[in-house]
């Protein structure tokens, strides 16, 4: 009596081939999802850079009045990633 699972070699080769196709399809889906996530991340990073540039421009233009100085401090904290 044998404890091993046995199947004909042709049946095993067919099962391996089917699994290989399934894994390749899954891999292609993962590649496409990764590409989409990467594109979304880059778009968000570009948007953040534009917002930071706008904040810097605002900070540089608010030097004269007291209210503007307070707004400038808030903007600087935002640029530095600090909370109040």
PDB file of N, CA and C in Angstrom:
ATOM      1  N   UNK A   1       0.846  -1.164   0.000  1.00  0.00           N
ATOM      2  CA  UNK A   1       0.000   0.000   0.000  1.00  0.00           C
ATOM      3  C   UNK A   1       0.904   1.244   0.000  1.00  0.00           C
ATOM      4  N   UNK A   2       0.526   2.236  -0.801  1.00  0.00           N
ATOM      5  CA  UNK A   2       1.360   3.431  -0.956  1.00  0.00           C
ATOM      6  C   UNK A   2       0.669   4.650  -0.346  1.00  0.00           C
ATOM      7  N   UNK A   3       1.443   5.500   0.370  1.00  0.00           N
ATOM      8  CA  UNK A   3       0.893   6.723   0.940  1.00  0.00           C
ATOM      9  C   UNK A   3       0.942   7.899  -0.046  1.00  0.00           C
ATOM     10  N   UNK A   4       1.572   7.713  -1.168  1.00  0.00           N
ATOM     11  CA  UNK A   4       1.727   8.788  -2.141  1.00  0.00           C
ATOM     12  C   UNK A   4       0.484   8.918  -3.017  1.00  0.00           C
ATOM     13  N   UNK A   5       0.194  10.177  -3.377  1.00  0.00           N
ATOM     14  CA  UNK A   5      -0.860  10.400  -4.362  1.00  0.00           C
ATOM     15  C   UNK A   5      -0.257  10.137  -5.727  1.00  0.00           C
ATOM     16  N   UNK A   6      -0.953   9.413  -6.516  1.00  0.00           N
ATOM     17  CA  UNK A   6      -0.420   9.085  -7.828  1.00  0.00           C
ATOM     18  C   UNK A   6      -1.415   9.507  -8.892  1.00  0.00           C
ATOM     19  N   UNK A   7      -0.889  10.093  -9.969  1.00  0.00           N
ATOM     20  CA  UNK A   7      -1.709  10.413 -11.120  1.00  0.00           C
ATOM     21  C   UNK A   7      -0.835  10.230 -12.352  1.00  0.00           C
ATOM     22  N   UNK A   8      -1.455   9.950 -13.443  1.00  0.00           N
ATOM     23  CA  UNK A   8      -0.664   9.791 -14.656  1.00  0.00           C
ATOM     24  C   UNK A   8       0.096  11.082 -14.974  1.00  0.00           C
ATOM     25  N   UNK A   9       1.258  10.926 -15.569  1.00  0.00           N
ATOM     26  CA  UNK A   9       2.117  12.056 -15.897  1.00  0.00           C
ATOM     27  C   UNK A   9       1.415  13.057 -16.812  1.00  0.00           C
ATOM     28  N   UNK A  10       0.648  12.576 -17.763  1.00  0.00           N
ATOM     29  CA  UNK A  10      -0.064  13.469 -18.693  1.00  0.00           C
ATOM     30  C   UNK A  10      -1.093  14.323 -17.941  1.00  0.00           C
ATOM     31  N   UNK A  11      -1.786  13.715 -17.003  1.00  0.00           N
ATOM     32  CA  UNK A  11      -2.785  14.436 -16.207  1.00  0.00           C
ATOM     33  C   UNK A  11      -2.098  15.488 -15.328  1.00  0.00           C
ATOM     34  N   UNK A  12      -0.977  15.133 -14.759  1.00  0.00           N
ATOM     35  CA  UNK A  12      -0.216  16.073 -13.938  1.00  0.00           C
ATOM     36  C   UNK A  12       0.278  17.254 -14.780  1.00  0.00           C
ATOM     37  N   UNK A  13       0.814  16.964 -15.965  1.00  0.00           N
ATOM     38  CA  UNK A  13       1.309  18.014 -16.860  1.00  0.00           C
ATOM     39  C   UNK A  13       0.171  18.958 -17.260  1.00  0.00           C
ATOM     40  N   UNK A  14      -1.000  18.418 -17.491  1.00  0.00           N
ATOM     41  CA  UNK A  14      -2.159  19.238 -17.853  1.00  0.00           C
ATOM     42  C   UNK A  14      -2.575  20.138 -16.682  1.00  0.00           C
ATOM     43  N   UNK A  15      -2.559  19.590 -15.489  1.00  0.00           N
ATOM     44  CA  UNK A  15      -2.911  20.374 -14.301  1.00  0.00           C
ATOM     45  C   UNK A  15      -1.895  21.498 -14.078  1.00  0.00           C
ATOM     46  N   UNK A  16      -0.623  21.205 -14.270  1.00  0.00           N
ATOM     47  CA  UNK A  16       0.420  22.218 -14.121  1.00  0.00           C
ATOM     48  C   UNK A  16       0.246  23.309 -15.171  1.00  0.00           C
ATOM     49  N   UNK A  17      -0.050  22.932 -16.397  1.00  0.00           N
ATOM     50  CA  UNK A  17      -0.247  23.906 -17.473  1.00  0.00           C
ATOM     51  C   UNK A  17      -1.440  24.823 -17.176  1.00  0.00           C
ATOM     52  N   UNK A  18      -2.534  24.257 -16.689  1.00  0.00           N
ATOM     53  CA  UNK A  18      -3.707  25.061 -16.344  1.00  0.00           C
ATOM     54  C   UNK A  18      -3.383  26.040 -15.215  1.00  0.00           C
ATOM     55  N   UNK A  19      -2.660  25.565 -14.218  1.00  0.00           N
ATOM     56  CA  UNK A  19      -2.284  26.429 -13.096  1.00  0.00           C
ATOM     57  C   UNK A  19      -1.344  27.538 -13.564  1.00  0.00           C
ATOM     58  N   UNK A  20      -0.462  27.222 -14.472  1.00  0.00           N
ATOM     59  CA  UNK A  20       0.453  28.222 -15.012  1.00  0.00           C
ATOM     60  C   UNK A  20      -0.321  29.322 -15.753  1.00  0.00           C
ATOM     61  N   UNK A  21      -1.298  28.944 -16.541  1.00  0.00           N
ATOM     62  CA  UNK A  21      -2.131  29.921 -17.246  1.00  0.00           C
ATOM     63  C   UNK A  21      -2.879  30.793 -16.243  1.00  0.00           C
ATOM     64  N   UNK A  22      -3.461  30.173 -15.222  1.00  0.00           N
ATOM     65  CA  UNK A  22      -4.198  30.925 -14.206  1.00  0.00           C
ATOM     66  C   UNK A  22      -3.280  31.925 -13.491  1.00  0.00           C
ATOM     67  N   UNK A  23      -2.093  31.490 -13.132  1.00  0.00           N
ATOM     68  CA  UNK A  23      -1.151  32.373 -12.442  1.00  0.00           C
ATOM     69  C   UNK A  23      -0.679  33.512 -13.344  1.00  0.00           C
ATOM     70  N   UNK A  24      -0.452  33.232 -14.612  1.00  0.00           N
ATOM     71  CA  UNK A  24      -0.055  34.290 -15.552  1.00  0.00           C
ATOM     72  C   UNK A  24      -1.156  35.337 -15.708  1.00  0.00           C
ATOM     73  N   UNK A  25      -2.398  34.873 -15.803  1.00  0.00           N
ATOM     74  CA  UNK A  25      -3.520  35.813 -15.904  1.00  0.00           C
ATOM     75  C   UNK A  25      -3.619  36.668 -14.645  1.00  0.00           C
ATOM     76  N   UNK A  26      -3.456  36.042 -13.501  1.00  0.00           N
ATOM     77  CA  UNK A  26      -3.505  36.766 -12.232  1.00  0.00           C
ATOM     78  C   UNK A  26      -2.359  37.782 -12.157  1.00  0.00           C
ATOM     79  N   UNK A  27      -1.186  37.383 -12.595  1.00  0.00           N
ATOM     80  CA  UNK A  27      -0.031  38.268 -12.604  1.00  0.00           C
ATOM     81  C   UNK A  27      -0.276  39.478 -13.498  1.00  0.00           C
ATOM     82  N   UNK A  28      -0.879  39.283 -14.652  1.00  0.00           N
ATOM     83  CA  UNK A  28      -1.182  40.392 -15.567  1.00  0.00           C
ATOM     84  C   UNK A  28      -2.182  41.367 -14.930  1.00  0.00           C
ATOM     85  N   UNK A  29      -3.172  40.842 -14.222  1.00  0.00           N
ATOM     86  CA  UNK A  29      -4.134  41.703 -13.525  1.00  0.00           C
ATOM     87  C   UNK A  29      -3.435  42.524 -12.454  1.00  0.00           C
ATOM     88  N   UNK A  30      -2.545  41.896 -11.702  1.00  0.00           N
ATOM     89  CA  UNK A  30      -1.800  42.609 -10.659  1.00  0.00           C
ATOM     90  C   UNK A  30      -0.904  43.688 -11.260  1.00  0.00           C
ATOM     91  N   UNK A  31      -0.264  43.403 -12.384  1.00  0.00           N
ATOM     92  CA  UNK A  31       0.566  44.395 -13.055  1.00  0.00           C
ATOM     93  C   UNK A  31      -0.267  45.610 -13.463  1.00  0.00           C
ATOM     94  N   UNK A  32      -1.450  45.367 -14.009  1.00  0.00           N
ATOM     95  CA  UNK A  32      -2.320  46.463 -14.442  1.00  0.00           C
ATOM     96  C   UNK A  32      -2.802  47.286 -13.246  1.00  0.00           C
ATOM     97  N   UNK A  33      -3.168  46.620 -12.162  1.00  0.00           N
ATOM     98  CA  UNK A  33      -3.582  47.343 -10.959  1.00  0.00           C
ATOM     99  C   UNK A  33      -2.442  48.180 -10.406  1.00  0.00           C
ATOM    100  N   UNK A  34      -1.250  47.625 -10.387  1.00  0.00           N
ATOM    101  CA  UNK A  34      -0.080  48.357  -9.898  1.00  0.00           C
ATOM    102  C   UNK A  34       0.172  49.583 -10.759  1.00  0.00           C
ATOM    103  N   UNK A  35       0.035  49.439 -12.050  1.00  0.00           N
ATOM    104  CA  UNK A  35       0.218  50.561 -12.971  1.00  0.00           C
ATOM    105  C   UNK A  35      -0.805  51.664 -12.678  1.00  0.00           C
ATOM    106  N   UNK A  36      -2.056  51.282 -12.460  1.00  0.00           N
ATOM    107  CA  UNK A  36      -3.101  52.261 -12.159  1.00  0.00           C
ATOM    108  C   UNK A  36      -2.846  52.967 -10.828  1.00  0.00           C
ATOM    109  N   UNK A  37      -2.434  52.219  -9.810  1.00  0.00           N
ATOM    110  CA  UNK A  37      -2.122  52.817  -8.507  1.00  0.00           C
ATOM    111  C   UNK A  37      -0.945  53.775  -8.616  1.00  0.00           C
ATOM    112  N   UNK A  38       0.063  53.395  -9.390  1.00  0.00           N
ATOM    113  CA  UNK A  38       1.243  54.231  -9.569  1.00  0.00           C
ATOM    114  C   UNK A  38       0.868  55.535 -10.269  1.00  0.00           C
ATOM    115  N   UNK A  39       0.020  55.444 -11.294  1.00  0.00           N
ATOM    116  CA  UNK A  39      -0.445  56.643 -11.993  1.00  0.00           C
ATOM    117  C   UNK A  39      -1.228  57.555 -11.055  1.00  0.00           C
ATOM    118  N   UNK A  40      -2.106  56.982 -10.242  1.00  0.00           N
ATOM    119  CA  UNK A  40      -2.886  57.772  -9.289  1.00  0.00           C
ATOM    120  C   UNK A  40      -1.981  58.431  -8.259  1.00  0.00           C
ATOM    121  N   UNK A  41      -0.979  57.697  -7.780  1.00  0.00           N
ATOM    122  CA  UNK A  41      -0.036  58.246  -6.815  1.00  0.00           C
ATOM    123  C   UNK A  41       0.722  59.427  -7.418  1.00  0.00           C
ATOM    124  N   UNK A  42       1.207  59.273  -8.646  1.00  0.00           N
ATOM    125  CA  UNK A  42       1.939  60.358  -9.297  1.00  0.00           C
ATOM    126  C   UNK A  42       1.055  61.587  -9.510  1.00  0.00           C
ATOM    127  N   UNK A  43      -0.199  61.361  -9.873  1.00  0.00           N
ATOM    128  CA  UNK A  43      -1.131  62.472 -10.063  1.00  0.00           C
ATOM    129  C   UNK A  43      -1.345  63.211  -8.736  1.00  0.00           C
ATOM    130  N   UNK A  44      -1.508  62.462  -7.643  1.00  0.00           N
ATOM    131  CA  UNK A  44      -1.684  63.078  -6.323  1.00  0.00           C
ATOM    132  C   UNK A  44      -0.421  63.823  -5.905  1.00  0.00           C
ATOM    133  N   UNK A  45       0.739  63.247  -6.165  1.00  0.00           N
ATOM    134  CA  UNK A  45       2.004  63.908  -5.807  1.00  0.00           C
ATOM    135  C   UNK A  45       2.165  65.213  -6.578  1.00  0.00           C
ATOM    136  N   UNK A  46       1.817  65.221  -7.858  1.00  0.00           N
ATOM    137  CA  UNK A  46       1.880  66.451  -8.652  1.00  0.00           C
ATOM    138  C   UNK A  46       0.946  67.509  -8.088  1.00  0.00           C
ATOM    139  N   UNK A  47      -0.248  67.074  -7.704  1.00  0.00           N
ATOM    140  CA  UNK A  47      -1.233  68.007  -7.142  1.00  0.00           C
ATOM    141  C   UNK A  47      -0.709  68.605  -5.829  1.00  0.00           C
ATOM    142  N   UNK A  48      -0.120  67.778  -4.998  1.00  0.00           N
ATOM    143  CA  UNK A  48       0.441  68.252  -3.729  1.00  0.00           C
ATOM    144  C   UNK A  48       1.556  69.265  -3.982  1.00  0.00           C
ATOM    145  N   UNK A  49       2.404  68.995  -4.952  1.00  0.00           N
ATOM    146  CA  UNK A  49       3.483  69.938  -5.281  1.00  0.00           C
ATOM    147  C   UNK A  49       2.923  71.286  -5.719  1.00  0.00           C
ATOM    148  N   UNK A  50       1.848  71.261  -6.514  1.00  0.00           N
ATOM    149  CA  UNK A  50       1.217  72.519  -6.953  1.00  0.00           C
ATOM    150  C   UNK A  50       0.613  73.267  -5.768  1.00  0.00           C
ATOM    151  N   UNK A  51      -0.014  72.542  -4.857  1.00  0.00           N
ATOM    152  CA  UNK A  51      -0.589  73.173  -3.673  1.00  0.00           C
ATOM    153  C   UNK A  51       0.497  73.781  -2.792  1.00  0.00           C
ATOM    154  N   UNK A  52       1.598  73.068  -2.635  1.00  0.00           N
ATOM    155  CA  UNK A  52       2.706  73.593  -1.837  1.00  0.00           C
ATOM    156  C   UNK A  52       3.288  74.855  -2.479  1.00  0.00           C
ATOM    157  N   UNK A  53       3.404  74.854  -3.803  1.00  0.00           N
ATOM    158  CA  UNK A  53       3.914  76.040  -4.499  1.00  0.00           C
ATOM    159  C   UNK A  53       2.963  77.215  -4.307  1.00  0.00           C
ATOM    160  N   UNK A  54       1.667  76.952  -4.370  1.00  0.00           N
ATOM    161  CA  UNK A  54       0.680  78.016  -4.160  1.00  0.00           C
ATOM    162  C   UNK A  54       0.765  78.553  -2.740  1.00  0.00           C
ATOM    163  N   UNK A  55       0.931  77.667  -1.768  1.00  0.00           N
ATOM    164  CA  UNK A  55       1.074  78.110  -0.377  1.00  0.00           C
ATOM    165  C   UNK A  55       2.328  78.966  -0.198  1.00  0.00           C
ATOM    166  N   UNK A  56       3.417  78.557  -0.838  1.00  0.00           N
ATOM    167  CA  UNK A  56       4.653  79.350  -0.743  1.00  0.00           C
ATOM    168  C   UNK A  56       4.452  80.739  -1.336  1.00  0.00           C
ATOM    169  N   UNK A  57       3.765  80.792  -2.483  1.00  0.00           N
ATOM    170  CA  UNK A  57       3.492  82.089  -3.105  1.00  0.00           C
ATOM    171  C   UNK A  57       2.652  82.965  -2.180  1.00  0.00           C
ATOM    172  N   UNK A  58       1.653  82.353  -1.552  1.00  0.00           N
ATOM    173  CA  UNK A  58       0.802  83.118  -0.631  1.00  0.00           C
ATOM    174  C   UNK A  58       1.603  83.587   0.582  1.00  0.00           C
ATOM    175  N   UNK A  59       2.436  82.713   1.104  1.00  0.00           N
ATOM    176  CA  UNK A  59       3.254  83.077   2.262  1.00  0.00           C
ATOM    177  C   UNK A  59       4.159  84.263   1.932  1.00  0.00           C
ATOM    178  N   UNK A  60       4.748  84.249   0.757  1.00  0.00           N
ATOM    179  CA  UNK A  60       5.662  85.311   0.373  1.00  0.00           C
ATOM    180  C   UNK A  60       4.934  86.641   0.170  1.00  0.00           C
ATOM    181  N   UNK A  61       3.662  86.595  -0.168  1.00  0.00           N
ATOM    182  CA  UNK A  61       2.920  87.818  -0.419  1.00  0.00           C
ATOM    183  C   UNK A  61       2.216  88.389   0.801  1.00  0.00           C
ATOM    184  N   UNK A  62       2.291  87.745   1.948  1.00  0.00           N
ATOM    185  CA  UNK A  62       1.538  88.172   3.138  1.00  0.00           C
ATOM    186  C   UNK A  62       2.437  88.758   4.217  1.00  0.00           C
ATOM    187  N   UNK A  63       3.333  89.563   3.866  1.00  0.00           N
ATOM    188  CA  UNK A  63       4.285  90.059   4.854  1.00  0.00           C
ATOM    189  C   UNK A  63       3.844  91.348   5.541  1.00  0.00           C
ATOM    190  N   UNK A  64       2.911  92.099   4.978  1.00  0.00           N
ATOM    191  CA  UNK A  64       2.655  93.448   5.491  1.00  0.00           C
ATOM    192  C   UNK A  64       1.573  93.538   6.565  1.00  0.00           C
ATOM    193  N   UNK A  65       0.457  92.862   6.432  1.00  0.00           N
ATOM    194  CA  UNK A  65      -0.627  93.108   7.398  1.00  0.00           C
ATOM    195  C   UNK A  65      -0.670  92.031   8.484  1.00  0.00           C
ATOM    196  N   UNK A  66      -1.159  92.363   9.699  1.00  0.00           N
ATOM    197  CA  UNK A  66      -1.169  91.413  10.830  1.00  0.00           C
ATOM    198  C   UNK A  66      -1.996  90.153  10.549  1.00  0.00           C
ATOM    199  N   UNK A  67      -3.150  90.316   9.910  1.00  0.00           N
ATOM    200  CA  UNK A  67      -3.985  89.142   9.603  1.00  0.00           C
ATOM    201  C   UNK A  67      -3.229  88.244   8.626  1.00  0.00           C
ATOM    202  N   UNK A  68      -2.599  88.857   7.654  1.00  0.00           N
ATOM    203  CA  UNK A  68      -1.824  88.096   6.677  1.00  0.00           C
ATOM    204  C   UNK A  68      -0.668  87.377   7.351  1.00  0.00           C
ATOM    205  N   UNK A  69      -0.071  87.975   8.357  1.00  0.00           N
ATOM    206  CA  UNK A  69       1.022  87.323   9.066  1.00  0.00           C
ATOM    207  C   UNK A  69       0.536  86.065   9.782  1.00  0.00           C
ATOM    208  N   UNK A  70      -0.659  86.141  10.363  1.00  0.00           N
ATOM    209  CA  UNK A  70      -1.232  84.958  11.017  1.00  0.00           C
ATOM    210  C   UNK A  70      -1.508  83.861   9.982  1.00  0.00           C
ATOM    211  N   UNK A  71      -2.040  84.277   8.842  1.00  0.00           N
ATOM    212  CA  UNK A  71      -2.307  83.307   7.778  1.00  0.00           C
ATOM    213  C   UNK A  71      -0.992  82.698   7.280  1.00  0.00           C
ATOM    214  N   UNK A  72       0.023  83.514   7.231  1.00  0.00           N
ATOM    215  CA  UNK A  72       1.339  83.044   6.801  1.00  0.00           C
ATOM    216  C   UNK A  72       1.876  81.989   7.761  1.00  0.00           C
ATOM    217  N   UNK A  73       1.707  82.195   9.058  1.00  0.00           N
ATOM    218  CA  UNK A  73       2.162  81.195  10.045  1.00  0.00           C
ATOM    219  C   UNK A  73       1.415  79.873   9.847  1.00  0.00           C
ATOM    220  N   UNK A  74       0.108  79.965   9.614  1.00  0.00           N
ATOM    221  CA  UNK A  74      -0.684  78.748   9.389  1.00  0.00           C
ATOM    222  C   UNK A  74      -0.201  78.025   8.130  1.00  0.00           C
ATOM    223  N   UNK A  75       0.047  78.802   7.093  1.00  0.00           N
ATOM    224  CA  UNK A  75       0.508  78.202   5.838  1.00  0.00           C
ATOM    225  C   UNK A  75       1.888  77.570   6.018  1.00  0.00           C
ATOM    226  N   UNK A  76       2.773  78.240   6.743  1.00  0.00           N
ATOM    227  CA  UNK A  76       4.111  77.687   6.985  1.00  0.00           C
ATOM    228  C   UNK A  76       4.012  76.356   7.748  1.00  0.00           C
ATOM    229  N   UNK A  77       3.133  76.325   8.767  1.00  0.00           N
ATOM    230  CA  UNK A  77       2.954  75.088   9.526  1.00  0.00           C
ATOM    231  C   UNK A  77       2.443  73.970   8.611  1.00  0.00           C
ATOM    232  N   UNK A  78       1.536  74.340   7.706  1.00  0.00           N
ATOM    233  CA  UNK A  78       0.998  73.327   6.774  1.00  0.00           C
ATOM    234  C   UNK A  78       2.115  72.811   5.875  1.00  0.00           C
ATOM    235  N   UNK A  79       2.959  73.699   5.399  1.00  0.00           N
ATOM    236  CA  UNK A  79       4.062  73.286   4.528  1.00  0.00           C
ATOM    237  C   UNK A  79       5.053  72.394   5.280  1.00  0.00           C
ATOM    238  N   UNK A  80       5.231  72.657   6.556  1.00  0.00           N
ATOM    239  CA  UNK A  80       6.171  71.879   7.362  1.00  0.00           C
ATOM    240  C   UNK A  80       5.531  70.611   7.907  1.00  0.00           C
ATOM    241  N   UNK A  81       4.213  70.458   7.700  1.00  0.00           N
ATOM    242  CA  UNK A  81       3.526  69.264   8.180  1.00  0.00           C
ATOM    243  C   UNK A  81       3.267  69.271   9.668  1.00  0.00           C
ATOM    244  N   UNK A  82       3.181  70.459  10.260  1.00  0.00           N
ATOM    245  CA  UNK A  82       2.948  70.559  11.707  1.00  0.00           C
ATOM    246  C   UNK A  82       1.488  70.888  11.981  1.00  0.00           C
ATOM    247  N   UNK A  83       0.996  70.393  13.108  1.00  0.00           N
ATOM    248  CA  UNK A  83      -0.345  70.736  13.571  1.00  0.00           C
ATOM    249  C   UNK A  83      -0.239  71.893  14.546  1.00  0.00           C
ATOM    250  N   UNK A  84      -1.377  72.568  14.771  1.00  0.00           N
ATOM    251  CA  UNK A  84      -1.390  73.666  15.776  1.00  0.00           C
ATOM    252  C   UNK A  84      -1.166  73.137  17.150  1.00  0.00           C
TER     253      UNK A  84
END
